[in-house]
Amino acid sequence: MLGGVDEDLLPIGQFAQLGRLSVKQLRHYDELGLLRPAYVDAETGYRYYRASQAREALSIGLLRSLDVPLPVVGQVLSGAVSYTIS
């Protein structure tokens, strides 16, 4: 832990670059429960993500670029429904 934060965690700005999403999108997806941060600092509210969450972030970005609605994106991520591109 570094200053109370796991050294493997990335601040939201760095993770946004890695996942090719904006910070605003990440906050929105957190509010919707699509992509939750690995850790939120209770004192500052800062969000931190693990690099391993980048695959999920990239998947969300890809599905959104194909105009897949957010509720369907959530279902795809949870495995409740598959999405085929034709």
PDB file of N, CA and C in Angstrom:
ATOM      1  N   MET A   1       0.838  -1.181   0.000  1.00  0.00           N
ATOM      2  CA  MET A   1       0.000   0.000   0.000  1.00  0.00           C
ATOM      3  C   MET A   1       0.885   1.247   0.000  1.00  0.00           C
ATOM      4  N   LEU A   2       0.535   2.185  -0.816  1.00  0.00           N
ATOM      5  CA  LEU A   2       1.275   3.438  -0.913  1.00  0.00           C
ATOM      6  C   LEU A   2       0.339   4.559  -0.500  1.00  0.00           C
ATOM      7  N   GLY A   3       0.596   5.144   0.659  1.00  0.00           N
ATOM      8  CA  GLY A   3      -0.292   6.194   1.138  1.00  0.00           C
ATOM      9  C   GLY A   3      -1.706   5.698   1.328  1.00  0.00           C
ATOM     10  N   GLY A   4      -1.846   4.429   1.708  1.00  0.00           N
ATOM     11  CA  GLY A   4      -3.167   3.857   1.906  1.00  0.00           C
ATOM     12  C   GLY A   4      -3.780   3.283   0.642  1.00  0.00           C
ATOM     13  N   VAL A   5      -3.084   3.412  -0.495  1.00  0.00           N
ATOM     14  CA  VAL A   5      -3.612   2.916  -1.765  1.00  0.00           C
ATOM     15  C   VAL A   5      -2.688   1.831  -2.298  1.00  0.00           C
ATOM     16  N   ASP A   6      -3.270   0.734  -2.744  1.00  0.00           N
ATOM     17  CA  ASP A   6      -2.529  -0.380  -3.329  1.00  0.00           C
ATOM     18  C   ASP A   6      -1.715   0.137  -4.519  1.00  0.00           C
ATOM     19  N   GLU A   7      -0.444  -0.237  -4.578  1.00  0.00           N
ATOM     20  CA  GLU A   7       0.436   0.243  -5.650  1.00  0.00           C
ATOM     21  C   GLU A   7       0.012  -0.247  -7.034  1.00  0.00           C
ATOM     22  N   ASP A   8      -0.790  -1.311  -7.102  1.00  0.00           N
ATOM     23  CA  ASP A   8      -1.247  -1.838  -8.383  1.00  0.00           C
ATOM     24  C   ASP A   8      -2.451  -1.076  -8.931  1.00  0.00           C
ATOM     25  N   LEU A   9      -2.964  -0.136  -8.173  1.00  0.00           N
ATOM     26  CA  LEU A   9      -4.138   0.614  -8.594  1.00  0.00           C
ATOM     27  C   LEU A   9      -3.738   1.837  -9.412  1.00  0.00           C
ATOM     28  N   LEU A  10      -4.559   2.138 -10.413  1.00  0.00           N
ATOM     29  CA  LEU A  10      -4.326   3.300 -11.273  1.00  0.00           C
ATOM     30  C   LEU A  10      -5.366   4.370 -10.967  1.00  0.00           C
ATOM     31  N   PRO A  11      -4.953   5.625 -10.863  1.00  0.00           N
ATOM     32  CA  PRO A  11      -5.942   6.691 -10.707  1.00  0.00           C
ATOM     33  C   PRO A  11      -6.823   6.760 -11.950  1.00  0.00           C
ATOM     34  N   ILE A  12      -7.991   7.313 -11.803  1.00  0.00           N
ATOM     35  CA  ILE A  12      -8.978   7.319 -12.878  1.00  0.00           C
ATOM     36  C   ILE A  12      -8.434   7.909 -14.184  1.00  0.00           C
ATOM     37  N   GLY A  13      -7.608   8.955 -14.110  1.00  0.00           N
ATOM     38  CA  GLY A  13      -7.063   9.568 -15.324  1.00  0.00           C
ATOM     39  C   GLY A  13      -6.166   8.628 -16.112  1.00  0.00           C
ATOM     40  N   GLN A  14      -5.295   7.927 -15.410  1.00  0.00           N
ATOM     41  CA  GLN A  14      -4.416   6.956 -16.082  1.00  0.00           C
ATOM     42  C   GLN A  14      -5.225   5.795 -16.639  1.00  0.00           C
ATOM     43  N   PHE A  15      -6.198   5.335 -15.862  1.00  0.00           N
ATOM     44  CA  PHE A  15      -7.016   4.220 -16.331  1.00  0.00           C
ATOM     45  C   PHE A  15      -7.857   4.634 -17.539  1.00  0.00           C
ATOM     46  N   ALA A  16      -8.324   5.871 -17.561  1.00  0.00           N
ATOM     47  CA  ALA A  16      -9.101   6.360 -18.696  1.00  0.00           C
ATOM     48  C   ALA A  16      -8.282   6.259 -19.981  1.00  0.00           C
ATOM     49  N   GLN A  17      -7.013   6.632 -19.914  1.00  0.00           N
ATOM     50  CA  GLN A  17      -6.146   6.521 -21.088  1.00  0.00           C
ATOM     51  C   GLN A  17      -5.962   5.064 -21.490  1.00  0.00           C
ATOM     52  N   LEU A  18      -5.739   4.204 -20.513  1.00  0.00           N
ATOM     53  CA  LEU A  18      -5.536   2.782 -20.779  1.00  0.00           C
ATOM     54  C   LEU A  18      -6.781   2.151 -21.396  1.00  0.00           C
ATOM     55  N   GLY A  19      -7.942   2.520 -20.880  1.00  0.00           N
ATOM     56  CA  GLY A  19      -9.198   1.938 -21.349  1.00  0.00           C
ATOM     57  C   GLY A  19      -9.840   2.688 -22.494  1.00  0.00           C
ATOM     58  N   ARG A  20      -9.186   3.778 -22.929  1.00  0.00           N
ATOM     59  CA  ARG A  20      -9.671   4.587 -24.049  1.00  0.00           C
ATOM     60  C   ARG A  20     -11.088   5.120 -23.820  1.00  0.00           C
ATOM     61  N   LEU A  21     -11.321   5.544 -22.591  1.00  0.00           N
ATOM     62  CA  LEU A  21     -12.576   6.179 -22.217  1.00  0.00           C
ATOM     63  C   LEU A  21     -12.238   7.494 -21.538  1.00  0.00           C
ATOM     64  N   SER A  22     -13.208   8.381 -21.466  1.00  0.00           N
ATOM     65  CA  SER A  22     -12.976   9.632 -20.744  1.00  0.00           C
ATOM     66  C   SER A  22     -13.239   9.423 -19.256  1.00  0.00           C
ATOM     67  N   VAL A  23     -12.711  10.312 -18.459  1.00  0.00           N
ATOM     68  CA  VAL A  23     -12.959  10.272 -17.019  1.00  0.00           C
ATOM     69  C   VAL A  23     -14.461  10.408 -16.769  1.00  0.00           C
ATOM     70  N   LYS A  24     -15.105  11.274 -17.533  1.00  0.00           N
ATOM     71  CA  LYS A  24     -16.557  11.472 -17.392  1.00  0.00           C
ATOM     72  C   LYS A  24     -17.308  10.171 -17.678  1.00  0.00           C
ATOM     73  N   GLN A  25     -16.905   9.454 -18.723  1.00  0.00           N
ATOM     74  CA  GLN A  25     -17.549   8.175 -19.034  1.00  0.00           C
ATOM     75  C   GLN A  25     -17.350   7.178 -17.899  1.00  0.00           C
ATOM     76  N   LEU A  26     -16.136   7.102 -17.372  1.00  0.00           N
ATOM     77  CA  LEU A  26     -15.866   6.169 -16.275  1.00  0.00           C
ATOM     78  C   LEU A  26     -16.729   6.479 -15.060  1.00  0.00           C
ATOM     79  N   ARG A  27     -16.882   7.753 -14.745  1.00  0.00           N
ATOM     80  CA  ARG A  27     -17.739   8.125 -13.608  1.00  0.00           C
ATOM     81  C   ARG A  27     -19.182   7.707 -13.870  1.00  0.00           C
ATOM     82  N   HIS A  28     -19.639   7.923 -15.095  1.00  0.00           N
ATOM     83  CA  HIS A  28     -21.009   7.549 -15.474  1.00  0.00           C
ATOM     84  C   HIS A  28     -21.199   6.034 -15.397  1.00  0.00           C
ATOM     85  N   TYR A  29     -20.244   5.282 -15.916  1.00  0.00           N
ATOM     86  CA  TYR A  29     -20.349   3.822 -15.886  1.00  0.00           C
ATOM     87  C   TYR A  29     -20.290   3.294 -14.455  1.00  0.00           C
ATOM     88  N   ASP A  30     -19.573   3.978 -13.590  1.00  0.00           N
ATOM     89  CA  ASP A  30     -19.559   3.618 -12.172  1.00  0.00           C
ATOM     90  C   ASP A  30     -20.950   3.838 -11.578  1.00  0.00           C
ATOM     91  N   GLU A  31     -21.552   4.988 -11.863  1.00  0.00           N
ATOM     92  CA  GLU A  31     -22.890   5.297 -11.345  1.00  0.00           C
ATOM     93  C   GLU A  31     -23.916   4.270 -11.811  1.00  0.00           C
ATOM     94  N   LEU A  32     -23.752   3.767 -13.041  1.00  0.00           N
ATOM     95  CA  LEU A  32     -24.681   2.777 -13.591  1.00  0.00           C
ATOM     96  C   LEU A  32     -24.357   1.353 -13.146  1.00  0.00           C
ATOM     97  N   GLY A  33     -23.195   1.173 -12.537  1.00  0.00           N
ATOM     98  CA  GLY A  33     -22.788  -0.163 -12.106  1.00  0.00           C
ATOM     99  C   GLY A  33     -22.161  -1.000 -13.206  1.00  0.00           C
ATOM    100  N   LEU A  34     -21.811  -0.372 -14.335  1.00  0.00           N
ATOM    101  CA  LEU A  34     -21.200  -1.111 -15.447  1.00  0.00           C
ATOM    102  C   LEU A  34     -19.729  -1.412 -15.204  1.00  0.00           C
ATOM    103  N   LEU A  35     -19.016  -0.453 -14.656  1.00  0.00           N
ATOM    104  CA  LEU A  35     -17.580  -0.614 -14.430  1.00  0.00           C
ATOM    105  C   LEU A  35     -17.224   0.094 -13.130  1.00  0.00           C
ATOM    106  N   ARG A  36     -17.193  -0.669 -12.077  1.00  0.00           N
ATOM    107  CA  ARG A  36     -16.923  -0.128 -10.742  1.00  0.00           C
ATOM    108  C   ARG A  36     -15.416  -0.018 -10.519  1.00  0.00           C
ATOM    109  N   PRO A  37     -14.968   1.035  -9.867  1.00  0.00           N
ATOM    110  CA  PRO A  37     -13.554   1.122  -9.507  1.00  0.00           C
ATOM    111  C   PRO A  37     -13.188   0.001  -8.535  1.00  0.00           C
ATOM    112  N   ALA A  38     -11.940  -0.397  -8.560  1.00  0.00           N
ATOM    113  CA  ALA A  38     -11.471  -1.415  -7.617  1.00  0.00           C
ATOM    114  C   ALA A  38     -11.420  -0.842  -6.208  1.00  0.00           C
ATOM    115  N   TYR A  39     -11.224   0.475  -6.119  1.00  0.00           N
ATOM    116  CA  TYR A  39     -11.108   1.120  -4.812  1.00  0.00           C
ATOM    117  C   TYR A  39     -11.534   2.576  -4.944  1.00  0.00           C
ATOM    118  N   VAL A  40     -12.280   3.054  -3.969  1.00  0.00           N
ATOM    119  CA  VAL A  40     -12.628   4.474  -3.884  1.00  0.00           C
ATOM    120  C   VAL A  40     -12.150   4.972  -2.529  1.00  0.00           C
ATOM    121  N   ASP A  41     -11.326   6.004  -2.547  1.00  0.00           N
ATOM    122  CA  ASP A  41     -10.820   6.582  -1.306  1.00  0.00           C
ATOM    123  C   ASP A  41     -11.980   7.260  -0.579  1.00  0.00           C
ATOM    124  N   ALA A  42     -12.286   6.791   0.606  1.00  0.00           N
ATOM    125  CA  ALA A  42     -13.418   7.311   1.375  1.00  0.00           C
ATOM    126  C   ALA A  42     -13.252   8.786   1.729  1.00  0.00           C
ATOM    127  N   GLU A  43     -12.029   9.225   1.882  1.00  0.00           N
ATOM    128  CA  GLU A  43     -11.771  10.610   2.282  1.00  0.00           C
ATOM    129  C   GLU A  43     -11.870  11.577   1.109  1.00  0.00           C
ATOM    130  N   THR A  44     -11.304  11.191  -0.038  1.00  0.00           N
ATOM    131  CA  THR A  44     -11.247  12.101  -1.189  1.00  0.00           C
ATOM    132  C   THR A  44     -12.285  11.794  -2.263  1.00  0.00           C
ATOM    133  N   GLY A  45     -12.794  10.564  -2.278  1.00  0.00           N
ATOM    134  CA  GLY A  45     -13.719  10.153  -3.330  1.00  0.00           C
ATOM    135  C   GLY A  45     -13.012   9.760  -4.617  1.00  0.00           C
ATOM    136  N   TYR A  46     -11.673   9.806  -4.623  1.00  0.00           N
ATOM    137  CA  TYR A  46     -10.916   9.438  -5.820  1.00  0.00           C
ATOM    138  C   TYR A  46     -11.158   7.972  -6.144  1.00  0.00           C
ATOM    139  N   ARG A  47     -11.302   7.702  -7.443  1.00  0.00           N
ATOM    140  CA  ARG A  47     -11.525   6.339  -7.913  1.00  0.00           C
ATOM    141  C   ARG A  47     -10.211   5.762  -8.436  1.00  0.00           C
ATOM    142  N   TYR A  48     -10.000   4.491  -8.153  1.00  0.00           N
ATOM    143  CA  TYR A  48      -8.810   3.774  -8.617  1.00  0.00           C
ATOM    144  C   TYR A  48      -9.243   2.467  -9.262  1.00  0.00           C
ATOM    145  N   TYR A  49      -8.568   2.112 -10.342  1.00  0.00           N
ATOM    146  CA  TYR A  49      -8.881   0.907 -11.101  1.00  0.00           C
ATOM    147  C   TYR A  49      -7.646   0.026 -11.217  1.00  0.00           C
ATOM    148  N   ARG A  50      -7.864  -1.235 -11.463  1.00  0.00           N
ATOM    149  CA  ARG A  50      -6.770  -2.171 -11.731  1.00  0.00           C
ATOM    150  C   ARG A  50      -6.572  -2.254 -13.247  1.00  0.00           C
ATOM    151  N   ALA A  51      -5.343  -2.449 -13.671  1.00  0.00           N
ATOM    152  CA  ALA A  51      -5.054  -2.587 -15.104  1.00  0.00           C
ATOM    153  C   ALA A  51      -5.853  -3.737 -15.702  1.00  0.00           C
ATOM    154  N   SER A  52      -6.127  -4.757 -14.908  1.00  0.00           N
ATOM    155  CA  SER A  52      -6.888  -5.911 -15.400  1.00  0.00           C
ATOM    156  C   SER A  52      -8.325  -5.547 -15.781  1.00  0.00           C
ATOM    157  N   GLN A  53      -8.809  -4.384 -15.357  1.00  0.00           N
ATOM    158  CA  GLN A  53     -10.151  -3.939 -15.717  1.00  0.00           C
ATOM    159  C   GLN A  53     -10.186  -3.280 -17.098  1.00  0.00           C
ATOM    160  N   ALA A  54      -9.030  -3.091 -17.712  1.00  0.00           N
ATOM    161  CA  ALA A  54      -8.965  -2.416 -19.009  1.00  0.00           C
ATOM    162  C   ALA A  54      -9.713  -3.185 -20.088  1.00  0.00           C
ATOM    163  N   ARG A  55      -9.669  -4.502 -20.039  1.00  0.00           N
ATOM    164  CA  ARG A  55     -10.381  -5.300 -21.047  1.00  0.00           C
ATOM    165  C   ARG A  55     -11.877  -4.982 -21.016  1.00  0.00           C
ATOM    166  N   GLU A  56     -12.419  -4.872 -19.817  1.00  0.00           N
ATOM    167  CA  GLU A  56     -13.831  -4.541 -19.667  1.00  0.00           C
ATOM    168  C   GLU A  56     -14.112  -3.126 -20.181  1.00  0.00           C
ATOM    169  N   ALA A  57     -13.220  -2.191 -19.883  1.00  0.00           N
ATOM    170  CA  ALA A  57     -13.372  -0.815 -20.359  1.00  0.00           C
ATOM    171  C   ALA A  57     -13.330  -0.762 -21.885  1.00  0.00           C
ATOM    172  N   LEU A  58     -12.397  -1.488 -22.477  1.00  0.00           N
ATOM    173  CA  LEU A  58     -12.295  -1.523 -23.938  1.00  0.00           C
ATOM    174  C   LEU A  58     -13.532  -2.158 -24.562  1.00  0.00           C
ATOM    175  N   SER A  59     -14.073  -3.178 -23.917  1.00  0.00           N
ATOM    176  CA  SER A  59     -15.295  -3.827 -24.410  1.00  0.00           C
ATOM    177  C   SER A  59     -16.469  -2.857 -24.382  1.00  0.00           C
ATOM    178  N   ILE A  60     -16.583  -2.107 -23.301  1.00  0.00           N
ATOM    179  CA  ILE A  60     -17.653  -1.110 -23.208  1.00  0.00           C
ATOM    180  C   ILE A  60     -17.496  -0.087 -24.324  1.00  0.00           C
ATOM    181  N   GLY A  61     -16.282   0.413 -24.520  1.00  0.00           N
ATOM    182  CA  GLY A  61     -16.032   1.388 -25.576  1.00  0.00           C
ATOM    183  C   GLY A  61     -16.373   0.850 -26.955  1.00  0.00           C
ATOM    184  N   LEU A  62     -16.007  -0.392 -27.217  1.00  0.00           N
ATOM    185  CA  LEU A  62     -16.307  -1.001 -28.516  1.00  0.00           C
ATOM    186  C   LEU A  62     -17.809  -1.130 -28.723  1.00  0.00           C
ATOM    187  N   LEU A  63     -18.500  -1.654 -27.731  1.00  0.00           N
ATOM    188  CA  LEU A  63     -19.950  -1.822 -27.854  1.00  0.00           C
ATOM    189  C   LEU A  63     -20.653  -0.478 -28.013  1.00  0.00           C
ATOM    190  N   ARG A  64     -20.207   0.530 -27.285  1.00  0.00           N
ATOM    191  CA  ARG A  64     -20.819   1.859 -27.408  1.00  0.00           C
ATOM    192  C   ARG A  64     -20.542   2.458 -28.783  1.00  0.00           C
ATOM    193  N   SER A  65     -19.357   2.189 -29.361  1.00  0.00           N
ATOM    194  CA  SER A  65     -19.045   2.707 -30.697  1.00  0.00           C
ATOM    195  C   SER A  65     -19.948   2.083 -31.757  1.00  0.00           C
ATOM    196  N   LEU A  66     -20.530   0.934 -31.415  1.00  0.00           N
ATOM    197  CA  LEU A  66     -21.476   0.259 -32.308  1.00  0.00           C
ATOM    198  C   LEU A  66     -22.921   0.615 -31.960  1.00  0.00           C
ATOM    199  N   ASP A  67     -23.084   1.629 -31.118  1.00  0.00           N
ATOM    200  CA  ASP A  67     -24.396   2.123 -30.680  1.00  0.00           C
ATOM    201  C   ASP A  67     -25.214   1.103 -29.901  1.00  0.00           C
ATOM    202  N   VAL A  68     -24.534   0.203 -29.210  1.00  0.00           N
ATOM    203  CA  VAL A  68     -25.230  -0.742 -28.337  1.00  0.00           C
ATOM    204  C   VAL A  68     -25.694   0.041 -27.112  1.00  0.00           C
ATOM    205  N   PRO A  69     -26.987  -0.026 -26.775  1.00  0.00           N
ATOM    206  CA  PRO A  69     -27.490   0.713 -25.609  1.00  0.00           C
ATOM    207  C   PRO A  69     -26.828   0.238 -24.313  1.00  0.00           C
ATOM    208  N   LEU A  70     -26.663   1.154 -23.378  1.00  0.00           N
ATOM    209  CA  LEU A  70     -25.988   0.825 -22.121  1.00  0.00           C
ATOM    210  C   LEU A  70     -26.626  -0.342 -21.365  1.00  0.00           C
ATOM    211  N   PRO A  71     -27.967  -0.457 -21.323  1.00  0.00           N
ATOM    212  CA  PRO A  71     -28.527  -1.630 -20.633  1.00  0.00           C
ATOM    213  C   PRO A  71     -28.090  -2.953 -21.278  1.00  0.00           C
ATOM    214  N   VAL A  72     -27.972  -2.966 -22.600  1.00  0.00           N
ATOM    215  CA  VAL A  72     -27.530  -4.176 -23.302  1.00  0.00           C
ATOM    216  C   VAL A  72     -26.044  -4.408 -23.041  1.00  0.00           C
ATOM    217  N   VAL A  73     -25.256  -3.336 -22.993  1.00  0.00           N
ATOM    218  CA  VAL A  73     -23.832  -3.458 -22.665  1.00  0.00           C
ATOM    219  C   VAL A  73     -23.689  -4.149 -21.316  1.00  0.00           C
ATOM    220  N   GLY A  74     -24.483  -3.731 -20.350  1.00  0.00           N
ATOM    221  CA  GLY A  74     -24.450  -4.354 -19.028  1.00  0.00           C
ATOM    222  C   GLY A  74     -24.783  -5.828 -19.079  1.00  0.00           C
ATOM    223  N   GLN A  75     -25.761  -6.193 -19.896  1.00  0.00           N
ATOM    224  CA  GLN A  75     -26.144  -7.599 -20.037  1.00  0.00           C
ATOM    225  C   GLN A  75     -25.037  -8.401 -20.702  1.00  0.00           C
ATOM    226  N   VAL A  76     -24.402  -7.819 -21.705  1.00  0.00           N
ATOM    227  CA  VAL A  76     -23.295  -8.503 -22.387  1.00  0.00           C
ATOM    228  C   VAL A  76     -22.146  -8.730 -21.408  1.00  0.00           C
ATOM    229  N   LEU A  77     -21.797  -7.701 -20.643  1.00  0.00           N
ATOM    230  CA  LEU A  77     -20.689  -7.820 -19.690  1.00  0.00           C
ATOM    231  C   LEU A  77     -20.970  -8.857 -18.610  1.00  0.00           C
ATOM    232  N   SER A  78     -22.227  -8.966 -18.209  1.00  0.00           N
ATOM    233  CA  SER A  78     -22.575  -9.930 -17.160  1.00  0.00           C
ATOM    234  C   SER A  78     -22.730 -11.343 -17.710  1.00  0.00           C
ATOM    235  N   GLY A  79     -22.732 -11.465 -19.038  1.00  0.00           N
ATOM    236  CA  GLY A  79     -22.883 -12.776 -19.656  1.00  0.00           C
ATOM    237  C   GLY A  79     -24.331 -13.192 -19.823  1.00  0.00           C
ATOM    238  N   ALA A  80     -25.263 -12.281 -19.514  1.00  0.00           N
ATOM    239  CA  ALA A  80     -26.687 -12.604 -19.603  1.00  0.00           C
ATOM    240  C   ALA A  80     -27.161 -12.685 -21.052  1.00  0.00           C
ATOM    241  N   VAL A  81     -26.452 -12.008 -21.940  1.00  0.00           N
ATOM    242  CA  VAL A  81     -26.838 -12.008 -23.348  1.00  0.00           C
ATOM    243  C   VAL A  81     -25.560 -11.876 -24.174  1.00  0.00           C
ATOM    244  N   SER A  82     -25.562 -12.485 -25.345  1.00  0.00           N
ATOM    245  CA  SER A  82     -24.423 -12.313 -26.247  1.00  0.00           C
ATOM    246  C   SER A  82     -24.827 -11.316 -27.321  1.00  0.00           C
ATOM    247  N   TYR A  83     -23.848 -10.691 -27.915  1.00  0.00           N
ATOM    248  CA  TYR A  83     -24.108  -9.680 -28.928  1.00  0.00           C
ATOM    249  C   TYR A  83     -23.293 -10.036 -30.154  1.00  0.00           C
ATOM    250  N   THR A  84     -23.987 -10.229 -31.272  1.00  0.00           N
ATOM    251  CA  THR A  84     -23.329 -10.598 -32.517  1.00  0.00           C
ATOM    252  C   THR A  84     -23.371  -9.420 -33.475  1.00  0.00           C
ATOM    253  N   ILE A  85     -22.244  -9.140 -34.066  1.00  0.00           N
ATOM    254  CA  ILE A  85     -22.156  -8.067 -35.052  1.00  0.00           C
ATOM    255  C   ILE A  85     -22.336  -8.690 -36.423  1.00  0.00           C
ATOM    256  N   SER A  86     -23.318  -8.160 -37.170  1.00  0.00           N
ATOM    257  CA  SER A  86     -23.551  -8.727 -38.510  1.00  0.00           C
ATOM    258  C   SER A  86     -23.282  -7.720 -39.594  1.00  0.00           C
TER     259      SER A  86
END
